[in-house]
C-alpha cells in the first residue's frame, strides 16, 4: 500500500484562487523511490502563475528532476496569452529547458474566438525549434449554432509547415434543453487530399440536476464505410437533496477476451455518488465495473472503488482523504492507495482573468470531455487491477 502525506494552503471559496501544496509519496515496501510534488498558484494584476516541481529522494534528500511553469497574462479584454515551460535535470544536475508551449486566445464581441498554439523543443545546440502548431477558429454562424475548425501543422521537408490533421465541429441547440454536435477528423490521404478518419456525434439532453450525454464514434471499416465502433452514455441526476449521482457506460465493438462480431457491447460502467452529510461532511464514492477477460460473457464485475471524504474543521480548515481499492487476482478488493490532506484557507488576491460573455451561444465539450467534472474521476479510475498513477495535488 502506498501512503501519501499532503499539506495545502488555498482559498477554495474564491472563484480565482492563490494556493500552494506539497504532496509526499512513499512506498512502505520499498519498491518505489519516494517522491515529493510541490505546487503553487498565484494571481495578481491580470497575471496567473502556476508552478509544479517533482522531486525524488537521492542521497538522503529530495532532488528536483522535473519542473513545469505556466504563466497566463490578460493582454486586453479579449486576449489571453499563456506560456508553459517544462524543465528537466541534466547529468550534472543543472535545470534544462525541455519544451515550451505558447498559446494565444483571442475573442470578440460577436462570439468569434481564435486560438493559436505552438510547441517548441530545443535542438542539439539548445535553440528552440517549433515542432507543431495548432489553429482553432470558433464562429457563431446563427443563434445557438457554432462551427469550430481546428488545424494541426507540423514541419515539412521544405522548411515550412504543412497541415497533418483537420477537424470540423458543429454544435447546435435543437431544443430548449437539447444540444447536438458532430465532429469530423480528417488526415492526409497521400495524394494531396484529405480523408475522414473519425466522426464523433452526440446529443446532450437536460440541464441543471438532470442531464444526459449520448455520444457515438464512427470509423471506416475495411471497405471504407463508416460504422459505429464506440458509444458512451453519461447520465447525471439528483434524486434527493444533498445527493448527486452520475453513471457513465462505455460500449465498444472490441470486448477484451471475446472475438469481435461488430456488435456494441458494454465494456465499463462507472457509477459516482456524491453525498452531503451532517456537519458539512462531503463524501464521494465511485465504483468501476468491467468484464472479466477470462469470461467476458459473465457480465460486469467490480474492479475498482474510490472513496473521497472531506471533513470541515475549525478556523477555516478541512481534512480530505482518498482511498482506492483495486481488484486482486484472487477477486478480493485490496487497498492500493491512501491519500490524506490537511487544507488551510488563506487570503488571496482575486483578479478577473475570464473574458466576459457577451453572447448566449452554446458552449460544450465533446467526446470524453462532454461529461461533467465528476467523470474525470472515472477516467482516472479506469478499472485497472494495478495501482493507479499518484493523484495530482489538490487545488
Protein backbone atom coordinates (compact mmCIF):
# COMPACT_ATOMS: atom_id res chain seq x y z
CA UNK A 1 0.00 0.00 0.00
CA UNK A 2 1.27 3.45 -0.87
CA UNK A 3 0.73 6.28 1.60
CA UNK A 4 0.66 9.97 0.82
CA UNK A 5 1.02 12.89 3.20
CA UNK A 6 -0.14 16.21 1.79
CA UNK A 7 -0.41 19.75 3.13
CA UNK A 8 -2.17 22.50 1.26
CA UNK A 9 -2.92 26.20 1.60
CA UNK A 10 -5.66 27.67 -0.56
CA UNK A 11 -8.77 29.79 -0.75
CA UNK A 12 -11.27 27.29 -2.04
CA UNK A 13 -14.20 29.62 -1.68
CA UNK A 14 -12.98 32.10 -4.27
CA UNK A 15 -13.58 31.94 -7.99
CA UNK A 16 -9.94 32.89 -8.51
CA UNK A 17 -7.52 31.43 -6.00
CA UNK A 18 -3.96 31.61 -4.79
CA UNK A 19 -2.74 28.42 -3.17
CA UNK A 20 0.23 26.16 -2.55
CA UNK A 21 0.54 22.45 -1.82
CA UNK A 22 3.11 19.80 -1.01
CA UNK A 23 2.49 16.10 -1.54
CA UNK A 24 4.85 13.40 -0.31
CA UNK A 25 4.53 9.87 -1.66
CA UNK A 26 6.21 6.83 -0.20
CA UNK A 27 6.01 3.07 -0.68
CA UNK A 28 6.40 1.06 2.55
CA UNK A 29 7.50 -1.98 0.52
CA UNK A 30 10.50 -0.03 -0.77
CA UNK A 31 9.90 -0.97 -4.40
CA UNK A 32 9.33 2.66 -5.42
CA UNK A 33 11.60 5.62 -4.77
CA UNK A 34 9.84 8.21 -2.56
CA UNK A 35 8.82 11.38 -4.38
CA UNK A 36 7.55 14.80 -3.42
CA UNK A 37 5.48 17.21 -5.51
CA UNK A 38 5.24 20.90 -4.67
CA UNK A 39 2.82 23.18 -6.49
CA UNK A 40 1.69 26.78 -6.28
CA UNK A 41 -0.86 29.05 -7.95
CA UNK A 42 -0.67 32.85 -7.75
CA UNK A 43 -2.90 35.51 -9.31
CA UNK A 44 -2.08 39.23 -9.38
CA UNK A 45 -2.73 42.15 -11.73
CA UNK A 46 -4.17 40.02 -14.54
CA UNK A 47 -1.30 37.54 -14.37
CA UNK A 48 -1.61 33.90 -13.27
CA UNK A 49 1.45 31.79 -12.47
CA UNK A 50 1.35 28.04 -11.78
CA UNK A 51 4.45 26.09 -10.74
CA UNK A 52 4.92 22.38 -10.12
CA UNK A 53 8.12 20.61 -9.09
CA UNK A 54 8.58 16.83 -8.90
CA UNK A 55 11.41 15.73 -6.62
CA UNK A 56 12.94 12.32 -5.96
CA UNK A 57 14.79 11.11 -2.88
CA UNK A 58 18.52 10.78 -3.56
CA UNK A 59 21.43 10.56 -1.09
CA UNK A 60 19.07 11.20 1.79
CA UNK A 61 17.48 14.37 0.42
CA UNK A 62 14.96 15.32 -2.23
CA UNK A 63 16.36 16.40 -5.59
CA UNK A 64 14.20 18.10 -8.25
CA UNK A 65 14.06 16.34 -11.62
CA UNK A 66 11.00 17.83 -13.35
CA UNK A 67 9.61 21.38 -13.20
CA UNK A 68 6.62 22.82 -15.06
CA UNK A 69 5.84 26.55 -15.02
CA UNK A 70 2.74 28.05 -16.63
CA UNK A 71 2.13 31.79 -16.91
CA UNK A 72 -1.07 33.37 -18.23
CA UNK A 73 -1.38 37.10 -18.92
CA UNK A 74 -4.52 39.01 -19.86
CA UNK A 75 -3.37 41.35 -22.62
CA UNK A 76 -6.72 43.10 -23.02
CA UNK A 77 -10.43 42.43 -22.54
CA UNK A 78 -10.46 39.86 -25.37
CA UNK A 79 -6.95 38.35 -25.36
CA UNK A 80 -5.12 35.98 -23.03
CA UNK A 81 -1.60 34.67 -23.64
CA UNK A 82 -0.28 31.55 -21.92
CA UNK A 83 3.26 30.15 -21.87
CA UNK A 84 4.06 26.72 -20.43
CA UNK A 85 7.71 25.77 -19.84
CA UNK A 86 8.96 22.31 -18.86
CA UNK A 87 12.38 21.70 -17.33
CA UNK A 88 14.40 18.57 -16.55
CA UNK A 89 17.80 17.97 -14.95
CA UNK A 90 20.87 17.03 -16.99
CA UNK A 91 23.51 14.58 -15.69
CA UNK A 92 25.23 17.48 -13.88
CA UNK A 93 22.03 18.38 -12.06
CA UNK A 94 21.52 21.61 -13.98
CA UNK A 95 17.96 22.63 -14.85
CA UNK A 96 17.45 22.36 -18.61
CA UNK A 97 14.54 23.61 -20.69
CA UNK A 98 12.89 20.68 -22.49
CA UNK A 99 9.73 22.15 -24.02
CA UNK A 100 7.81 25.42 -24.44
CA UNK A 101 4.15 25.73 -25.38
CA UNK A 102 2.76 29.15 -26.26
CA UNK A 103 -0.96 29.87 -26.65
CA UNK A 104 -2.93 32.96 -27.54
CA UNK A 105 -6.70 33.02 -27.09
CA UNK A 106 -8.48 35.94 -28.72
CA UNK A 107 -12.23 36.56 -28.53
CA UNK A 108 -14.59 39.16 -29.91
CA UNK A 109 -17.89 40.80 -29.03
CA UNK A 110 -19.77 38.81 -31.69
CA UNK A 111 -18.80 35.46 -30.16
CA UNK A 112 -15.94 34.58 -32.51
CA UNK A 113 -12.84 33.07 -30.94
CA UNK A 114 -9.41 32.19 -32.31
CA UNK A 115 -6.80 30.08 -30.52
CA UNK A 116 -3.25 29.64 -31.78
CA UNK A 117 -0.88 27.23 -30.04
CA UNK A 118 2.74 26.30 -30.80
CA UNK A 119 5.03 23.74 -29.16
CA UNK A 120 8.83 24.02 -29.32
CA UNK A 121 11.66 21.71 -28.30
CA UNK A 122 15.37 22.58 -28.05
CA UNK A 123 17.69 21.21 -30.73
CA UNK A 124 21.19 19.81 -30.19
CA UNK A 125 22.51 23.34 -29.71
CA UNK A 126 19.82 24.33 -27.23
CA UNK A 127 17.91 26.53 -29.67
CA UNK A 128 14.13 26.19 -29.62
CA UNK A 129 12.55 24.71 -32.74
CA UNK A 130 8.79 24.66 -33.31
CA UNK A 131 7.60 21.05 -33.67
CA UNK A 132 3.85 21.69 -34.00
CA UNK A 133 1.31 24.45 -34.46
CA UNK A 134 -2.43 24.35 -33.88
CA UNK A 135 -5.03 26.88 -35.01
CA UNK A 136 -8.65 26.80 -33.82
CA UNK A 137 -11.36 29.11 -35.17
CA UNK A 138 -14.76 29.22 -33.49
CA UNK A 139 -17.59 31.13 -35.15
CA UNK A 140 -21.21 31.58 -34.16
CA UNK A 141 -22.97 31.26 -37.51
CA UNK A 142 -26.51 31.68 -36.14
CA UNK A 143 -28.25 31.90 -32.76
CA UNK A 144 -27.46 28.66 -30.93
CA UNK A 145 -25.21 27.33 -33.71
CA UNK A 146 -21.41 27.35 -33.59
CA UNK A 147 -18.80 25.98 -36.01
CA UNK A 148 -15.30 25.11 -34.82
CA UNK A 149 -12.42 24.42 -37.24
CA UNK A 150 -9.09 23.08 -35.99
CA UNK A 151 -5.89 22.53 -37.99
CA UNK A 152 -2.73 20.86 -36.71
CA UNK A 153 0.51 21.67 -38.58
CA UNK A 154 3.99 20.12 -38.41
CA UNK A 155 7.36 20.99 -40.01
CA UNK A 156 7.73 19.74 -43.60
CA UNK A 157 10.73 18.94 -45.78
CA UNK A 158 10.69 22.42 -47.35
CA UNK A 159 11.39 24.18 -44.08
CA UNK A 160 7.81 25.33 -43.65
CA UNK A 161 4.71 23.87 -42.01
CA UNK A 162 2.07 21.60 -43.51
CA UNK A 163 -1.29 20.52 -42.13
CA UNK A 164 -1.27 16.96 -40.75
CA UNK A 165 -4.77 16.89 -39.27
CA UNK A 166 -8.01 18.83 -39.65
CA UNK A 167 -11.31 18.73 -37.78
CA UNK A 168 -14.68 20.35 -38.31
CA UNK A 169 -17.18 20.56 -35.48
CA UNK A 170 -20.72 21.88 -35.41
CA UNK A 171 -22.70 22.49 -32.23
CA UNK A 172 -26.40 23.33 -32.40
CA UNK A 173 -29.11 23.90 -29.83
CA UNK A 174 -32.06 21.97 -31.23
CA UNK A 175 -34.41 22.41 -28.30
CA UNK A 176 -34.85 24.25 -25.04
CA UNK A 177 -32.80 21.58 -23.23
CA UNK A 178 -31.13 19.78 -26.14
CA UNK A 179 -27.78 20.31 -27.88
CA UNK A 180 -26.49 18.18 -30.73
CA UNK A 181 -22.93 18.10 -32.04
CA UNK A 182 -20.87 16.44 -34.75
CA UNK A 183 -17.10 16.44 -35.20
CA UNK A 184 -15.25 15.03 -38.21
CA UNK A 185 -11.47 14.50 -38.13
CA UNK A 186 -9.53 14.16 -41.41
CA UNK A 187 -5.99 13.03 -42.24
CA UNK A 188 -3.95 13.41 -45.46
CA UNK A 189 -4.70 10.66 -47.98
CA UNK A 190 -1.20 10.68 -49.52
CA UNK A 191 -2.43 12.11 -52.81
CA UNK A 192 -2.72 15.72 -51.80
CA UNK A 193 -6.26 15.36 -50.48
CA UNK A 194 -7.95 14.64 -47.17
CA UNK A 195 -9.80 11.59 -45.89
CA UNK A 196 -12.16 11.49 -42.91
CA UNK A 197 -10.75 9.13 -40.27
CA UNK A 198 -13.26 9.56 -37.44
CA UNK A 199 -16.70 11.01 -36.75
CA UNK A 200 -17.99 11.82 -33.27
CA UNK A 201 -21.61 12.79 -32.86
CA UNK A 202 -23.88 13.08 -29.91
CA UNK A 203 -26.74 14.70 -28.08
CA UNK A 204 -26.81 16.48 -24.72
CA UNK A 205 -30.23 16.48 -23.07
CA UNK A 206 -31.45 18.24 -19.95
CA UNK A 207 -29.97 20.97 -17.81
CA UNK A 208 -29.28 21.52 -14.14
CA UNK A 209 -29.51 18.48 -11.89
CA UNK A 210 -30.73 16.04 -14.55
CA UNK A 211 -28.56 15.74 -17.65
CA UNK A 212 -27.54 13.05 -20.15
CA UNK A 213 -24.92 12.81 -22.91
CA UNK A 214 -25.10 10.12 -25.60
CA UNK A 215 -22.10 10.01 -27.95
CA UNK A 216 -21.18 7.57 -30.72
CA UNK A 217 -17.87 7.22 -32.57
CA UNK A 218 -17.74 6.08 -36.19
CA UNK A 219 -14.63 4.88 -38.02
CA UNK A 220 -14.13 3.43 -41.51
CA UNK A 221 -14.15 -0.35 -41.86
CA UNK A 222 -12.08 -2.42 -44.30
CA UNK A 223 -14.39 -1.36 -47.12
CA UNK A 224 -14.13 2.34 -46.28
CA UNK A 225 -17.70 2.53 -44.98
CA UNK A 226 -18.24 4.23 -41.63
CA UNK A 227 -19.58 2.10 -38.81
CA UNK A 228 -20.13 2.72 -35.10
CA UNK A 229 -17.18 1.42 -33.06
CA UNK A 230 -17.77 3.06 -29.67
CA UNK A 231 -20.57 4.61 -27.65
CA UNK A 232 -20.59 6.46 -24.33
CA UNK A 233 -23.74 7.21 -22.34
CA UNK A 234 -23.50 9.57 -19.36
CA UNK A 235 -26.42 10.22 -17.03
CA UNK A 236 -26.47 12.70 -14.15
CA UNK A 237 -29.26 13.08 -11.62
CA UNK A 238 -30.11 14.49 -8.21
CA UNK A 239 -32.73 12.27 -6.67
CA UNK A 240 -32.81 13.89 -3.26
CA UNK A 241 -31.31 16.95 -1.57
CA UNK A 242 -27.63 16.55 -0.85
CA UNK A 243 -27.11 13.59 -3.20
CA UNK A 244 -25.91 13.58 -6.81
CA UNK A 245 -25.38 10.53 -8.99
CA UNK A 246 -23.58 10.01 -12.28
CA UNK A 247 -23.34 6.85 -14.35
CA UNK A 248 -21.00 6.52 -17.34
CA UNK A 249 -21.44 3.45 -19.54
CA UNK A 250 -18.89 2.69 -22.27
CA UNK A 251 -19.65 0.39 -25.20
CA UNK A 252 -17.29 -0.96 -27.85
CA UNK A 253 -17.21 -3.47 -30.68
CA UNK A 254 -13.96 -4.79 -29.16
CA UNK A 255 -14.65 -6.65 -25.92
CA UNK A 256 -11.48 -7.92 -24.16
CA UNK A 257 -11.33 -11.70 -24.28
CA UNK A 258 -14.04 -12.05 -26.94
CA UNK A 259 -13.85 -12.28 -30.73
CA UNK A 260 -15.24 -9.11 -32.38
CA UNK A 261 -18.59 -9.56 -34.09
CA UNK A 262 -19.40 -5.94 -34.97
CA UNK A 263 -21.89 -5.51 -32.13
CA UNK A 264 -21.56 -2.88 -29.42
CA UNK A 265 -21.06 -4.46 -26.01
CA UNK A 266 -20.82 -2.91 -22.56
CA UNK A 267 -17.13 -2.69 -21.57
CA UNK A 268 -17.27 -0.46 -18.48
CA UNK A 269 -19.71 1.15 -16.08
CA UNK A 270 -18.55 3.84 -13.66
CA UNK A 271 -21.03 4.99 -11.01
CA UNK A 272 -20.25 8.04 -8.87
CA UNK A 273 -22.38 9.18 -5.93
CA UNK A 274 -21.82 12.44 -4.06
CA UNK A 275 -23.46 12.96 -0.66
CA UNK A 276 -23.59 15.89 1.75
CA UNK A 277 -23.78 14.71 5.35
CA UNK A 278 -24.24 16.17 8.78
CA UNK A 279 -21.72 18.77 9.86
CA UNK A 280 -20.73 19.62 6.30
CA UNK A 281 -19.06 16.27 5.57
CA UNK A 282 -18.84 15.61 1.81
CA UNK A 283 -18.49 12.02 0.59
CA UNK A 284 -17.87 10.86 -2.97
CA UNK A 285 -17.93 7.15 -3.79
CA UNK A 286 -17.16 5.66 -7.18
CA UNK A 287 -17.45 2.08 -8.35
CA UNK A 288 -15.95 0.90 -11.65
CA UNK A 289 -17.21 -2.33 -13.20
CA UNK A 290 -15.71 -4.23 -16.15
CA UNK A 291 -15.99 -7.66 -17.74
CA UNK A 292 -13.57 -10.40 -16.68
CA UNK A 293 -11.32 -11.06 -19.72
CA UNK A 294 -11.26 -14.79 -18.97
CA UNK A 295 -15.08 -14.93 -19.06
CA UNK A 296 -16.43 -11.86 -20.93
CA UNK A 297 -19.92 -13.33 -21.16
CA UNK A 298 -20.34 -13.48 -17.39
CA UNK A 299 -21.22 -9.78 -17.14
CA UNK A 300 -19.56 -6.96 -15.26
CA UNK A 301 -17.66 -7.24 -12.00
CA UNK A 302 -16.32 -4.51 -9.71
CA UNK A 303 -12.67 -3.78 -10.49
CA UNK A 304 -12.09 -0.55 -8.56
CA UNK A 305 -13.58 1.59 -5.82
CA UNK A 306 -12.66 5.16 -4.90
CA UNK A 307 -13.86 6.86 -1.71
CA UNK A 308 -13.24 10.59 -1.10
CA UNK A 309 -14.23 12.20 2.21
CA UNK A 310 -13.92 15.90 3.07
CA UNK A 311 -14.47 16.91 6.71
CA UNK A 312 -14.60 20.57 7.76
CA UNK A 313 -12.57 21.62 10.77
CA UNK A 314 -12.12 24.75 12.83
CA UNK A 315 -10.52 28.04 11.77
CA UNK A 316 -11.18 27.54 8.04
CA UNK A 317 -9.51 24.13 7.89
CA UNK A 318 -10.64 20.86 6.38
CA UNK A 319 -9.36 17.31 6.15
CA UNK A 320 -9.50 15.38 2.90
CA UNK A 321 -8.92 11.66 2.44
CA UNK A 322 -9.00 9.35 -0.57
CA UNK A 323 -8.93 5.56 -0.51
CA UNK A 324 -8.60 3.48 -3.68
CA UNK A 325 -9.35 -0.22 -3.79
CA UNK A 326 -8.46 -2.45 -6.73
CA UNK A 327 -9.48 -5.99 -7.57
CA UNK A 328 -6.72 -8.53 -6.91
CA UNK A 329 -6.29 -11.72 -8.97
CA UNK A 330 -8.00 -13.60 -6.14
CA UNK A 331 -11.10 -11.43 -6.60
CA UNK A 332 -10.61 -9.57 -3.32
CA UNK A 333 -10.72 -5.75 -3.26
CA UNK A 334 -7.38 -4.57 -1.84
CA UNK A 335 -6.45 -1.04 -0.78
CA UNK A 336 -3.78 0.21 -3.22
CA UNK A 337 -3.73 3.92 -2.43
CA UNK A 338 -4.38 6.18 0.56
CA UNK A 339 -4.13 9.95 0.22
CA UNK A 340 -4.69 12.38 3.10
CA UNK A 341 -4.52 16.17 3.13
CA UNK A 342 -4.99 18.99 5.62
CA UNK A 343 -6.14 22.21 3.95
CA UNK A 344 -5.82 25.69 5.45
CA UNK A 345 -7.60 28.56 3.74
CA UNK A 346 -5.56 31.73 3.24
CA UNK A 347 -6.37 35.17 1.82
CA UNK A 348 -5.73 35.52 -1.90
CA UNK A 349 -5.54 38.25 -4.48
CA UNK A 350 -8.62 37.94 -6.70
CA UNK A 351 -8.35 39.08 -10.29
CA UNK A 352 -10.95 38.65 -13.00
CA UNK A 353 -8.99 36.76 -15.65
CA UNK A 354 -12.03 35.46 -17.53
CA UNK A 355 -13.46 37.05 -20.65
CA UNK A 356 -16.92 38.38 -20.05
CA UNK A 357 -19.51 36.57 -22.13
CA UNK A 358 -21.40 38.86 -24.47
CA UNK A 359 -23.39 36.21 -26.28
CA UNK A 360 -25.59 33.28 -25.43
CA UNK A 361 -24.07 30.85 -27.90
CA UNK A 362 -23.90 27.20 -26.94
CA UNK A 363 -20.63 26.00 -25.39
CA UNK A 364 -19.83 22.36 -24.83
CA UNK A 365 -17.02 19.84 -24.86
CA UNK A 366 -17.45 16.72 -26.94
CA UNK A 367 -16.14 13.22 -26.54
CA UNK A 368 -14.71 12.24 -23.22
CA UNK A 369 -14.89 15.87 -22.15
CA UNK A 370 -18.63 16.04 -22.59
CA UNK A 371 -19.34 14.74 -19.10
CA UNK A 372 -19.16 16.90 -16.02
CA UNK A 373 -16.24 17.14 -13.66
CA UNK A 374 -17.33 14.00 -11.81
CA UNK A 375 -16.46 11.95 -14.90
CA UNK A 376 -12.80 12.92 -14.57
CA UNK A 377 -12.66 10.58 -11.59
CA UNK A 378 -13.98 7.78 -13.79
CA UNK A 379 -11.15 8.31 -16.25
CA UNK A 380 -8.54 8.40 -13.52
CA UNK A 381 -10.01 5.21 -12.05
CA UNK A 382 -10.04 3.25 -15.30
CA UNK A 383 -10.63 -0.06 -13.63
CA UNK A 384 -7.05 -1.30 -13.91
CA UNK A 385 -6.14 -4.01 -11.43
CA UNK A 386 -2.81 -2.30 -10.79
CA UNK A 387 -2.17 0.71 -8.61
CA UNK A 388 -3.21 3.96 -10.32
CA UNK A 389 -0.98 6.94 -11.00
CA UNK A 390 -0.43 9.19 -7.97
CA UNK A 391 -3.23 11.75 -7.60
CA UNK A 392 -2.36 15.32 -8.52
CA UNK A 393 -2.02 17.84 -5.68
CA UNK A 394 -5.38 19.12 -4.64
CA UNK A 395 -6.11 22.70 -5.60
